[in-house]
Amino acid sequence: MNLKLIYIVFLGSIFGCFAQKDSLQNPYFKSYDDKITTSIYYLDTSNSFQIGFDSDGQKKYVDLNPNRKEQLGLGLSYQFIDISLGFAPKFFSVNKDNSDSQLFSLNTHFYHKKWMQSFTFINQKGFYISDDDVSVFLPKMRTTKIGGSTSYIFNDNFSYKTLVNQNEWQMKSSGSFIPSFSFYYTNLNLNNTPDSSNADIYVFSLAPSYFYNFVISDRVLIGAGIAFGTGIIDIDGDVSALYQLDFNLKLAYNRDRFFAFASLNTISFMQNDKAEARLNDNVSTIKFSLGYRFNPPKKVKEVYEKADHIIGL
């Protein structure tokens, strides 16, 4: 089995120890920050685009889809430490013929009281450009995206952590209105000639959203959220309005030791037909995870407490 290392993450929730420390006393959810959490997961994530342009007085569109890689990974987290290691195994059929393609992705969340900050980084190489009639592979084309969103969680009884990881578990059904401000920078480069031009894209948006964790039983819940907002996009100096549509869905099973979940997350930025330079941007992530929690060894707790005392978090 030929495995290609895709990404190593040693970042996670560095500021996570700020987050909702009073949740230990909240009957609506339970925190597992004091446990070591291990997991194995399957991940399929990509950042695709649709470009619109005028040709002979007609609007035409082409799709830019990355040469996908499906990943398997291992995760380990304790308190503010979160480590993930992912591979793209060749036994996944989609990975067999894309050895020249590359994918590095990172998505994490930081918390402070009711505030939540997300961070996203995606670097992709190898794209298909296609329309209704033809599809062409551009092996050297590369896109880089960096950005995130700042959100405010109104309801103290709603656990956003339950949706994005398994370090917390919603005990009673609850939802919250969550407005978010997002900023993303994306660079597109065809890399087909020595003097290939870049496209620099800046996105600013404000999106009201609503999330809800529906507790089916003590062990099972469904979490969902939807956001719709507006903003502006700057494509090499051409500024126009855009719409943002996000969707989140999670089905999870939880015990104090063992957990499992499946999740789907999408972020879409869309422009109307009047924009001279139209670029629709979509980030989608599908994840399946199995995990196990256990008490940290005494030595690990001592090292963490010393580091926590020195850092002052």
C-alpha atoms as a PDB file:
ATOM      1  CA  MET A   1       0.000   0.000   0.000  1.00  0.00           C
ATOM      2  CA  ASN A   2       1.542   3.270  -1.141  1.00  0.00           C
ATOM      3  CA  LEU A   3       0.564   5.991   1.322  1.00  0.00           C
ATOM      4  CA  LYS A   4       1.248   9.666   0.676  1.00  0.00           C
ATOM      5  CA  LEU A   5       1.382  12.000   3.675  1.00  0.00           C
ATOM      6  CA  ILE A   6      -1.121  14.775   3.180  1.00  0.00           C
ATOM      7  CA  TYR A   7      -0.974  16.866   6.318  1.00  0.00           C
ATOM      8  CA  ILE A   8       0.287  17.020   9.871  1.00  0.00           C
ATOM      9  CA  VAL A   9      -1.502  19.381  12.230  1.00  0.00           C
ATOM     10  CA  PHE A  10      -0.165  20.473  15.588  1.00  0.00           C
ATOM     11  CA  LEU A  11      -2.428  23.396  16.235  1.00  0.00           C
ATOM     12  CA  GLY A  12      -6.012  22.524  17.130  1.00  0.00           C
ATOM     13  CA  SER A  13      -7.511  24.453  19.967  1.00  0.00           C
ATOM     14  CA  ILE A  14      -4.602  26.352  21.486  1.00  0.00           C
ATOM     15  CA  PHE A  15      -7.054  28.858  22.831  1.00  0.00           C
ATOM     16  CA  GLY A  16      -9.591  26.142  23.580  1.00  0.00           C
ATOM     17  CA  CYS A  17      -8.801  26.299  27.270  1.00  0.00           C
ATOM     18  CA  PHE A  18     -10.425  29.739  27.296  1.00  0.00           C
ATOM     19  CA  ALA A  19     -13.618  28.114  26.131  1.00  0.00           C
ATOM     20  CA  GLN A  20     -16.642  27.737  28.294  1.00  0.00           C
ATOM     21  CA  LYS A  21     -14.840  26.477  31.395  1.00  0.00           C
ATOM     22  CA  ASP A  22     -18.116  26.910  33.203  1.00  0.00           C
ATOM     23  CA  SER A  23     -19.598  24.215  30.949  1.00  0.00           C
ATOM     24  CA  LEU A  24     -18.546  21.676  33.608  1.00  0.00           C
ATOM     25  CA  GLN A  25     -21.377  23.115  35.724  1.00  0.00           C
ATOM     26  CA  ASN A  26     -23.917  23.477  32.917  1.00  0.00           C
ATOM     27  CA  PRO A  27     -26.537  20.686  32.874  1.00  0.00           C
ATOM     28  CA  TYR A  28     -27.124  21.248  29.156  1.00  0.00           C
ATOM     29  CA  PHE A  29     -23.761  19.845  28.088  1.00  0.00           C
ATOM     30  CA  LYS A  30     -20.779  17.895  29.368  1.00  0.00           C
ATOM     31  CA  SER A  31     -17.104  18.682  28.794  1.00  0.00           C
ATOM     32  CA  TYR A  32     -14.389  16.081  28.108  1.00  0.00           C
ATOM     33  CA  ASP A  33     -11.405  18.443  28.066  1.00  0.00           C
ATOM     34  CA  ASP A  34      -9.899  16.559  31.012  1.00  0.00           C
ATOM     35  CA  LYS A  35      -9.777  13.319  28.968  1.00  0.00           C
ATOM     36  CA  ILE A  36      -7.310  12.206  26.320  1.00  0.00           C
ATOM     37  CA  THR A  37      -9.332  11.750  23.148  1.00  0.00           C
ATOM     38  CA  THR A  38      -8.077   9.495  20.352  1.00  0.00           C
ATOM     39  CA  SER A  39      -9.804   8.967  17.017  1.00  0.00           C
ATOM     40  CA  ILE A  40      -9.511   7.476  13.558  1.00  0.00           C
ATOM     41  CA  TYR A  41     -11.308   9.264  10.747  1.00  0.00           C
ATOM     42  CA  TYR A  42     -12.114   9.379   7.045  1.00  0.00           C
ATOM     43  CA  LEU A  43     -12.029  12.829   5.424  1.00  0.00           C
ATOM     44  CA  ASP A  44     -13.009  14.117   1.995  1.00  0.00           C
ATOM     45  CA  THR A  45     -12.556  17.871   1.601  1.00  0.00           C
ATOM     46  CA  SER A  46     -12.192  20.116  -1.443  1.00  0.00           C
ATOM     47  CA  ASN A  47     -12.448  23.713  -2.627  1.00  0.00           C
ATOM     48  CA  SER A  48     -14.125  24.018  -6.043  1.00  0.00           C
ATOM     49  CA  PHE A  49     -14.953  27.065  -8.155  1.00  0.00           C
ATOM     50  CA  GLN A  50     -17.233  28.155 -11.000  1.00  0.00           C
ATOM     51  CA  ILE A  51     -16.079  31.007 -13.217  1.00  0.00           C
ATOM     52  CA  GLY A  52     -18.507  33.044 -15.311  1.00  0.00           C
ATOM     53  CA  PHE A  53     -17.505  35.258 -18.224  1.00  0.00           C
ATOM     54  CA  ASP A  54     -18.992  36.958 -21.291  1.00  0.00           C
ATOM     55  CA  SER A  55     -18.358  35.381 -24.703  1.00  0.00           C
ATOM     56  CA  ASP A  56     -19.941  36.846 -27.853  1.00  0.00           C
ATOM     57  CA  GLY A  57     -22.557  38.575 -25.735  1.00  0.00           C
ATOM     58  CA  GLN A  58     -23.491  35.410 -23.849  1.00  0.00           C
ATOM     59  CA  LYS A  59     -22.693  34.381 -20.315  1.00  0.00           C
ATOM     60  CA  LYS A  60     -20.644  31.193 -20.136  1.00  0.00           C
ATOM     61  CA  TYR A  61     -19.412  29.191 -17.189  1.00  0.00           C
ATOM     62  CA  VAL A  62     -16.589  26.764 -16.536  1.00  0.00           C
ATOM     63  CA  ASP A  63     -16.057  24.604 -13.465  1.00  0.00           C
ATOM     64  CA  LEU A  64     -12.742  24.248 -11.657  1.00  0.00           C
ATOM     65  CA  ASN A  65     -12.755  21.022  -9.661  1.00  0.00           C
ATOM     66  CA  PRO A  66      -9.711  19.742  -7.759  1.00  0.00           C
ATOM     67  CA  ASN A  67      -8.351  16.281  -8.417  1.00  0.00           C
ATOM     68  CA  ARG A  68      -9.738  14.911  -5.160  1.00  0.00           C
ATOM     69  CA  LYS A  69      -7.928  12.918  -2.522  1.00  0.00           C
ATOM     70  CA  GLU A  70      -9.738  10.899   0.117  1.00  0.00           C
ATOM     71  CA  GLN A  71      -7.921  10.654   3.419  1.00  0.00           C
ATOM     72  CA  LEU A  72      -7.614   8.482   6.494  1.00  0.00           C
ATOM     73  CA  GLY A  73      -6.219   9.939   9.670  1.00  0.00           C
ATOM     74  CA  LEU A  74      -5.465   9.611  13.359  1.00  0.00           C
ATOM     75  CA  GLY A  75      -6.291  12.251  15.953  1.00  0.00           C
ATOM     76  CA  LEU A  76      -5.132  12.888  19.519  1.00  0.00           C
ATOM     77  CA  SER A  77      -6.323  15.709  21.783  1.00  0.00           C
ATOM     78  CA  TYR A  78      -5.991  16.717  25.422  1.00  0.00           C
ATOM     79  CA  GLN A  79      -6.937  20.104  26.879  1.00  0.00           C
ATOM     80  CA  PHE A  80      -5.539  22.707  24.430  1.00  0.00           C
ATOM     81  CA  ILE A  81      -3.408  20.170  22.478  1.00  0.00           C
ATOM     82  CA  ASP A  82      -4.857  18.769  19.252  1.00  0.00           C
ATOM     83  CA  ILE A  83      -2.779  16.657  16.842  1.00  0.00           C
ATOM     84  CA  SER A  84      -3.963  15.103  13.569  1.00  0.00           C
ATOM     85  CA  LEU A  85      -2.090  12.990  11.028  1.00  0.00           C
ATOM     86  CA  GLY A  86      -3.671  12.189   7.656  1.00  0.00           C
ATOM     87  CA  PHE A  87      -2.796  10.004   4.677  1.00  0.00           C
ATOM     88  CA  ALA A  88      -4.230   9.392   1.202  1.00  0.00           C
ATOM     89  CA  PRO A  89      -4.121   5.591   0.803  1.00  0.00           C
ATOM     90  CA  LYS A  90      -3.994   4.126  -2.692  1.00  0.00           C
ATOM     91  CA  PHE A  91      -6.734   1.577  -1.987  1.00  0.00           C
ATOM     92  CA  PHE A  92      -9.225   4.427  -2.403  1.00  0.00           C
ATOM     93  CA  SER A  93      -9.957   4.386  -6.126  1.00  0.00           C
ATOM     94  CA  VAL A  94     -10.089   8.180  -6.345  1.00  0.00           C
ATOM     95  CA  ASN A  95      -6.457   8.344  -5.143  1.00  0.00           C
ATOM     96  CA  LYS A  96      -4.936   5.863  -7.607  1.00  0.00           C
ATOM     97  CA  ASP A  97      -4.244   8.114 -10.596  1.00  0.00           C
ATOM     98  CA  ASN A  98      -3.536  11.482  -9.001  1.00  0.00           C
ATOM     99  CA  SER A  99       0.013  11.112  -7.698  1.00  0.00           C
ATOM    100  CA  ASP A 100       0.938  14.586  -8.992  1.00  0.00           C
ATOM    101  CA  SER A 101      -1.953  16.230  -7.158  1.00  0.00           C
ATOM    102  CA  GLN A 102      -1.512  17.705  -3.714  1.00  0.00           C
ATOM    103  CA  LEU A 103      -3.802  18.636  -0.850  1.00  0.00           C
ATOM    104  CA  PHE A 104      -3.048  20.256   2.490  1.00  0.00           C
ATOM    105  CA  SER A 105      -5.997  21.320   4.626  1.00  0.00           C
ATOM    106  CA  LEU A 106      -6.422  22.656   8.132  1.00  0.00           C
ATOM    107  CA  ASN A 107      -9.583  23.678   9.920  1.00  0.00           C
ATOM    108  CA  THR A 108      -9.727  24.510  13.608  1.00  0.00           C
ATOM    109  CA  HIS A 109     -11.770  26.522  16.097  1.00  0.00           C
ATOM    110  CA  PHE A 110     -10.787  28.721  19.039  1.00  0.00           C
ATOM    111  CA  TYR A 111     -13.159  29.741  21.840  1.00  0.00           C
ATOM    112  CA  HIS A 112     -13.355  32.530  24.408  1.00  0.00           C
ATOM    113  CA  LYS A 113     -16.538  32.673  26.473  1.00  0.00           C
ATOM    114  CA  LYS A 114     -19.337  33.261  23.900  1.00  0.00           C
ATOM    115  CA  TRP A 115     -16.974  34.050  21.028  1.00  0.00           C
ATOM    116  CA  MET A 116     -15.838  31.478  18.492  1.00  0.00           C
ATOM    117  CA  GLN A 117     -13.098  31.951  15.894  1.00  0.00           C
ATOM    118  CA  SER A 118     -12.666  29.469  13.043  1.00  0.00           C
ATOM    119  CA  PHE A 119      -9.551  29.206  10.904  1.00  0.00           C
ATOM    120  CA  THR A 120      -9.284  27.525   7.481  1.00  0.00           C
ATOM    121  CA  PHE A 121      -6.262  26.856   5.293  1.00  0.00           C
ATOM    122  CA  ILE A 122      -6.497  24.871   2.026  1.00  0.00           C
ATOM    123  CA  ASN A 123      -3.721  24.385  -0.524  1.00  0.00           C
ATOM    124  CA  GLN A 124      -4.562  22.329  -3.622  1.00  0.00           C
ATOM    125  CA  LYS A 125      -2.643  21.379  -6.762  1.00  0.00           C
ATOM    126  CA  GLY A 126      -4.161  19.664  -9.814  1.00  0.00           C
ATOM    127  CA  PHE A 127      -7.523  20.760 -11.236  1.00  0.00           C
ATOM    128  CA  TYR A 128      -9.983  19.828 -13.941  1.00  0.00           C
ATOM    129  CA  ILE A 129     -11.447  22.743 -15.917  1.00  0.00           C
ATOM    130  CA  SER A 130     -14.661  21.769 -17.663  1.00  0.00           C
ATOM    131  CA  ASP A 131     -17.837  23.003 -19.296  1.00  0.00           C
ATOM    132  CA  ASP A 132     -20.729  21.177 -20.950  1.00  0.00           C
ATOM    133  CA  ASP A 133     -18.556  19.859 -23.782  1.00  0.00           C
ATOM    134  CA  VAL A 134     -15.010  19.233 -22.622  1.00  0.00           C
ATOM    135  CA  SER A 135     -12.872  18.585 -19.555  1.00  0.00           C
ATOM    136  CA  VAL A 136      -9.150  19.369 -19.395  1.00  0.00           C
ATOM    137  CA  PHE A 137      -6.738  18.439 -16.611  1.00  0.00           C
ATOM    138  CA  LEU A 138      -4.387  21.189 -15.404  1.00  0.00           C
ATOM    139  CA  PRO A 139      -1.845  19.305 -13.257  1.00  0.00           C
ATOM    140  CA  LYS A 140       0.122  22.409 -12.219  1.00  0.00           C
ATOM    141  CA  MET A 141      -2.791  24.648 -11.338  1.00  0.00           C
ATOM    142  CA  ARG A 142      -2.743  25.589  -7.659  1.00  0.00           C
ATOM    143  CA  THR A 143      -5.135  27.376  -5.307  1.00  0.00           C
ATOM    144  CA  THR A 144      -4.449  28.604  -1.796  1.00  0.00           C
ATOM    145  CA  LYS A 145      -7.181  29.722   0.593  1.00  0.00           C
ATOM    146  CA  ILE A 146      -6.751  31.226   4.035  1.00  0.00           C
ATOM    147  CA  GLY A 147      -9.340  32.838   6.286  1.00  0.00           C
ATOM    148  CA  GLY A 148     -12.080  32.142   8.752  1.00  0.00           C
ATOM    149  CA  SER A 149     -15.049  33.531  10.614  1.00  0.00           C
ATOM    150  CA  THR A 150     -15.728  35.269  13.934  1.00  0.00           C
ATOM    151  CA  SER A 151     -19.000  34.249  15.573  1.00  0.00           C
ATOM    152  CA  TYR A 152     -20.982  35.103  18.697  1.00  0.00           C
ATOM    153  CA  ILE A 153     -23.035  32.357  20.378  1.00  0.00           C
ATOM    154  CA  PHE A 154     -26.083  33.909  22.059  1.00  0.00           C
ATOM    155  CA  ASN A 155     -27.425  30.907  23.987  1.00  0.00           C
ATOM    156  CA  ASP A 156     -25.326  29.773  26.962  1.00  0.00           C
ATOM    157  CA  ASN A 157     -27.068  26.392  26.857  1.00  0.00           C
ATOM    158  CA  PHE A 158     -26.019  25.572  23.298  1.00  0.00           C
ATOM    159  CA  SER A 159     -22.777  23.636  22.750  1.00  0.00           C
ATOM    160  CA  TYR A 160     -21.187  24.564  19.427  1.00  0.00           C
ATOM    161  CA  LYS A 161     -18.273  22.273  20.308  1.00  0.00           C
ATOM    162  CA  THR A 162     -20.612  19.296  20.015  1.00  0.00           C
ATOM    163  CA  LEU A 163     -20.983  20.096  16.313  1.00  0.00           C
ATOM    164  CA  VAL A 164     -17.306  20.551  15.459  1.00  0.00           C
ATOM    165  CA  ASN A 165     -15.598  17.957  17.697  1.00  0.00           C
ATOM    166  CA  GLN A 166     -16.290  15.449  20.463  1.00  0.00           C
ATOM    167  CA  ASN A 167     -14.689  17.262  23.403  1.00  0.00           C
ATOM    168  CA  GLU A 168     -18.156  18.301  24.542  1.00  0.00           C
ATOM    169  CA  TRP A 169     -21.579  16.650  24.422  1.00  0.00           C
ATOM    170  CA  GLN A 170     -25.016  18.278  24.392  1.00  0.00           C
ATOM    171  CA  MET A 171     -27.144  16.676  27.146  1.00  0.00           C
ATOM    172  CA  LYS A 172     -30.426  18.531  26.521  1.00  0.00           C
ATOM    173  CA  SER A 173     -31.722  19.798  23.180  1.00  0.00           C
ATOM    174  CA  SER A 174     -30.854  23.414  22.569  1.00  0.00           C
ATOM    175  CA  GLY A 175     -30.204  25.874  19.756  1.00  0.00           C
ATOM    176  CA  SER A 176     -28.758  29.317  19.262  1.00  0.00           C
ATOM    177  CA  PHE A 177     -28.771  32.278  16.922  1.00  0.00           C
ATOM    178  CA  ILE A 178     -25.149  32.807  15.826  1.00  0.00           C
ATOM    179  CA  PRO A 179     -24.166  35.760  13.608  1.00  0.00           C
ATOM    180  CA  SER A 180     -20.789  35.440  11.877  1.00  0.00           C
ATOM    181  CA  PHE A 181     -18.371  37.732  10.081  1.00  0.00           C
ATOM    182  CA  SER A 182     -16.173  35.939   7.525  1.00  0.00           C
ATOM    183  CA  PHE A 183     -13.028  36.884   5.659  1.00  0.00           C
ATOM    184  CA  TYR A 184     -11.228  34.716   3.091  1.00  0.00           C
ATOM    185  CA  TYR A 185      -8.313  35.304   0.755  1.00  0.00           C
ATOM    186  CA  THR A 186      -7.860  32.955  -2.221  1.00  0.00           C
ATOM    187  CA  ASN A 187      -5.054  32.855  -4.775  1.00  0.00           C
ATOM    188  CA  LEU A 188      -5.545  31.034  -8.101  1.00  0.00           C
ATOM    189  CA  ASN A 189      -2.566  30.275 -10.331  1.00  0.00           C
ATOM    190  CA  LEU A 190      -2.696  28.235 -13.553  1.00  0.00           C
ATOM    191  CA  ASN A 191       1.097  27.659 -13.463  1.00  0.00           C
ATOM    192  CA  ASN A 192       0.986  26.705 -17.152  1.00  0.00           C
ATOM    193  CA  THR A 193       3.650  29.197 -18.295  1.00  0.00           C
ATOM    194  CA  PRO A 194       6.664  30.838 -16.621  1.00  0.00           C
ATOM    195  CA  ASP A 195       4.792  34.147 -16.424  1.00  0.00           C
ATOM    196  CA  SER A 196       1.410  32.751 -15.395  1.00  0.00           C
ATOM    197  CA  SER A 197      -0.771  35.419 -13.841  1.00  0.00           C
ATOM    198  CA  ASN A 198      -2.367  35.065 -10.437  1.00  0.00           C
ATOM    199  CA  ALA A 199      -5.924  35.881  -9.484  1.00  0.00           C
ATOM    200  CA  ASP A 200      -6.283  37.354  -6.005  1.00  0.00           C
ATOM    201  CA  ILE A 201      -9.739  37.079  -4.457  1.00  0.00           C
ATOM    202  CA  TYR A 202     -10.913  38.705  -1.216  1.00  0.00           C
ATOM    203  CA  VAL A 203     -14.266  37.868   0.366  1.00  0.00           C
ATOM    204  CA  PHE A 204     -15.977  39.731   3.225  1.00  0.00           C
ATOM    205  CA  SER A 205     -19.416  38.632   4.424  1.00  0.00           C
ATOM    206  CA  LEU A 206     -21.863  38.862   7.324  1.00  0.00           C
ATOM    207  CA  ALA A 207     -24.137  35.855   7.797  1.00  0.00           C
ATOM    208  CA  PRO A 208     -26.814  35.332  10.458  1.00  0.00           C
ATOM    209  CA  SER A 209     -27.188  31.636  11.275  1.00  0.00           C
ATOM    210  CA  TYR A 210     -29.125  29.271  13.484  1.00  0.00           C
ATOM    211  CA  PHE A 211     -27.805  26.004  14.927  1.00  0.00           C
ATOM    212  CA  TYR A 212     -29.633  23.360  16.886  1.00  0.00           C
ATOM    213  CA  ASN A 213     -28.567  20.153  18.653  1.00  0.00           C
ATOM    214  CA  PHE A 214     -31.511  17.763  18.821  1.00  0.00           C
ATOM    215  CA  VAL A 215     -30.867  15.191  21.547  1.00  0.00           C
ATOM    216  CA  ILE A 216     -32.634  11.986  20.533  1.00  0.00           C
ATOM    217  CA  SER A 217     -31.418  10.034  23.567  1.00  0.00           C
ATOM    218  CA  ASP A 218     -28.622  10.138  26.131  1.00  0.00           C
ATOM    219  CA  ARG A 219     -26.313   8.661  23.470  1.00  0.00           C
ATOM    220  CA  VAL A 220     -27.540   9.970  20.120  1.00  0.00           C
ATOM    221  CA  LEU A 221     -28.100  13.430  18.695  1.00  0.00           C
ATOM    222  CA  ILE A 222     -28.494  15.252  15.400  1.00  0.00           C
ATOM    223  CA  GLY A 223     -26.853  18.649  15.054  1.00  0.00           C
ATOM    224  CA  ALA A 224     -27.684  21.007  12.217  1.00  0.00           C
ATOM    225  CA  GLY A 225     -27.133  24.594  11.219  1.00  0.00           C
ATOM    226  CA  ILE A 226     -27.776  26.912   8.312  1.00  0.00           C
ATOM    227  CA  ALA A 227     -26.501  30.392   7.515  1.00  0.00           C
ATOM    228  CA  PHE A 228     -27.453  32.863   4.816  1.00  0.00           C
ATOM    229  CA  GLY A 229     -25.744  36.196   4.395  1.00  0.00           C
ATOM    230  CA  THR A 230     -24.384  38.831   2.056  1.00  0.00           C
ATOM    231  CA  GLY A 231     -21.087  40.559   1.478  1.00  0.00           C
ATOM    232  CA  ILE A 232     -18.642  41.716  -1.163  1.00  0.00           C
ATOM    233  CA  ILE A 233     -15.988  40.012  -3.265  1.00  0.00           C
ATOM    234  CA  ASP A 234     -12.923  41.648  -4.784  1.00  0.00           C
ATOM    235  CA  ILE A 235     -11.423  39.810  -7.781  1.00  0.00           C
ATOM    236  CA  ASP A 236      -8.257  41.634  -8.854  1.00  0.00           C
ATOM    237  CA  GLY A 237      -9.890  44.980  -8.110  1.00  0.00           C
ATOM    238  CA  ASP A 238     -13.318  44.155  -9.561  1.00  0.00           C
ATOM    239  CA  VAL A 239     -15.747  44.487  -6.630  1.00  0.00           C
ATOM    240  CA  SER A 240     -19.273  43.076  -6.590  1.00  0.00           C
ATOM    241  CA  ALA A 241     -21.897  41.773  -4.177  1.00  0.00           C
ATOM    242  CA  LEU A 242     -22.135  38.123  -3.171  1.00  0.00           C
ATOM    243  CA  TYR A 243     -24.364  35.740  -1.223  1.00  0.00           C
ATOM    244  CA  GLN A 244     -23.173  33.253   1.370  1.00  0.00           C
ATOM    245  CA  LEU A 245     -24.909  29.954   2.124  1.00  0.00           C
ATOM    246  CA  ASP A 246     -23.561  27.530   4.749  1.00  0.00           C
ATOM    247  CA  PHE A 247     -24.924  24.186   5.844  1.00  0.00           C
ATOM    248  CA  ASN A 248     -23.859  21.880   8.687  1.00  0.00           C
ATOM    249  CA  LEU A 249     -25.179  18.436   9.600  1.00  0.00           C
ATOM    250  CA  LYS A 250     -23.918  15.930  12.148  1.00  0.00           C
ATOM    251  CA  LEU A 251     -25.176  12.548  13.394  1.00  0.00           C
ATOM    252  CA  ALA A 252     -23.333  11.475  16.521  1.00  0.00           C
ATOM    253  CA  TYR A 253     -23.234   8.649  19.066  1.00  0.00           C
ATOM    254  CA  ASN A 254     -21.529   9.233  22.399  1.00  0.00           C
ATOM    255  CA  ARG A 255     -20.507   7.428  25.542  1.00  0.00           C
ATOM    256  CA  ASP A 256     -18.014   8.664  28.100  1.00  0.00           C
ATOM    257  CA  ARG A 257     -15.374   6.384  26.566  1.00  0.00           C
ATOM    258  CA  PHE A 258     -16.447   5.636  23.004  1.00  0.00           C
ATOM    259  CA  PHE A 259     -17.903   7.929  20.338  1.00  0.00           C
ATOM    260  CA  ALA A 260     -18.672   7.955  16.617  1.00  0.00           C
ATOM    261  CA  PHE A 261     -20.035  10.554  14.225  1.00  0.00           C
ATOM    262  CA  ALA A 262     -20.619  11.486  10.598  1.00  0.00           C
ATOM    263  CA  SER A 263     -20.659  15.122   9.510  1.00  0.00           C
ATOM    264  CA  LEU A 264     -21.181  17.240   6.416  1.00  0.00           C
ATOM    265  CA  ASN A 265     -20.142  20.898   6.163  1.00  0.00           C
ATOM    266  CA  THR A 266     -20.382  23.265   3.199  1.00  0.00           C
ATOM    267  CA  ILE A 267     -19.523  26.939   2.724  1.00  0.00           C
ATOM    268  CA  SER A 268     -20.663  28.548  -0.537  1.00  0.00           C
ATOM    269  CA  PHE A 269     -20.097  32.058  -1.885  1.00  0.00           C
ATOM    270  CA  MET A 270     -22.204  32.958  -4.939  1.00  0.00           C
ATOM    271  CA  GLN A 271     -22.488  36.015  -7.173  1.00  0.00           C
ATOM    272  CA  ASN A 272     -25.414  37.134  -9.309  1.00  0.00           C
ATOM    273  CA  ASP A 273     -25.342  37.145 -13.120  1.00  0.00           C
ATOM    274  CA  LYS A 274     -24.687  40.899 -13.270  1.00  0.00           C
ATOM    275  CA  ALA A 275     -21.147  40.597 -11.915  1.00  0.00           C
ATOM    276  CA  GLU A 276     -18.584  41.194 -14.663  1.00  0.00           C
ATOM    277  CA  ALA A 277     -16.108  38.719 -13.177  1.00  0.00           C
ATOM    278  CA  ARG A 278     -18.124  35.956 -11.570  1.00  0.00           C
ATOM    279  CA  LEU A 279     -16.506  33.348  -9.346  1.00  0.00           C
ATOM    280  CA  ASN A 280     -18.587  31.011  -7.211  1.00  0.00           C
ATOM    281  CA  ASP A 281     -16.596  29.407  -4.406  1.00  0.00           C
ATOM    282  CA  ASN A 282     -17.550  26.220  -2.547  1.00  0.00           C
ATOM    283  CA  VAL A 283     -15.762  24.406   0.292  1.00  0.00           C
ATOM    284  CA  SER A 284     -17.207  21.022   1.268  1.00  0.00           C
ATOM    285  CA  THR A 285     -16.093  18.521   3.911  1.00  0.00           C
ATOM    286  CA  ILE A 286     -17.361  15.031   4.684  1.00  0.00           C
ATOM    287  CA  LYS A 287     -16.003  13.300   7.781  1.00  0.00           C
ATOM    288  CA  PHE A 288     -16.557   9.952   9.528  1.00  0.00           C
ATOM    289  CA  SER A 289     -14.854   9.378  12.869  1.00  0.00           C
ATOM    290  CA  LEU A 290     -14.522   6.705  15.562  1.00  0.00           C
ATOM    291  CA  GLY A 291     -12.887   7.593  18.860  1.00  0.00           C
ATOM    292  CA  TYR A 292     -12.032   6.598  22.401  1.00  0.00           C
ATOM    293  CA  ARG A 293     -11.439   8.682  25.542  1.00  0.00           C
ATOM    294  CA  PHE A 294      -9.413   7.771  28.617  1.00  0.00           C
ATOM    295  CA  ASN A 295      -7.945   9.424  31.681  1.00  0.00           C
ATOM    296  CA  PRO A 296      -4.498  10.946  31.144  1.00  0.00           C
ATOM    297  CA  PRO A 297      -1.525   9.328  32.872  1.00  0.00           C
ATOM    298  CA  LYS A 298      -0.370  11.129  36.011  1.00  0.00           C
ATOM    299  CA  LYS A 299       2.855  12.270  34.318  1.00  0.00           C
ATOM    300  CA  VAL A 300       0.933  13.810  31.410  1.00  0.00           C
ATOM    301  CA  LYS A 301      -1.283  15.754  33.827  1.00  0.00           C
ATOM    302  CA  GLU A 302       1.758  17.058  35.681  1.00  0.00           C
ATOM    303  CA  VAL A 303       3.440  18.233  32.464  1.00  0.00           C
ATOM    304  CA  TYR A 304       0.227  19.927  31.308  1.00  0.00           C
ATOM    305  CA  GLU A 305      -0.332  21.677  34.643  1.00  0.00           C
ATOM    306  CA  LYS A 306       3.233  23.022  34.616  1.00  0.00           C
ATOM    307  CA  ALA A 307       2.838  24.257  31.021  1.00  0.00           C
ATOM    308  CA  ASP A 308      -0.548  25.785  31.838  1.00  0.00           C
ATOM    309  CA  HIS A 309       0.956  27.589  34.847  1.00  0.00           C
ATOM    310  CA  ILE A 310       3.862  28.956  32.777  1.00  0.00           C
ATOM    311  CA  ILE A 311       1.719  30.021  29.812  1.00  0.00           C
ATOM    312  CA  GLY A 312      -0.944  31.446  32.099  1.00  0.00           C
ATOM    313  CA  LEU A 313      -3.964  30.186  30.142  1.00  0.00           C
END
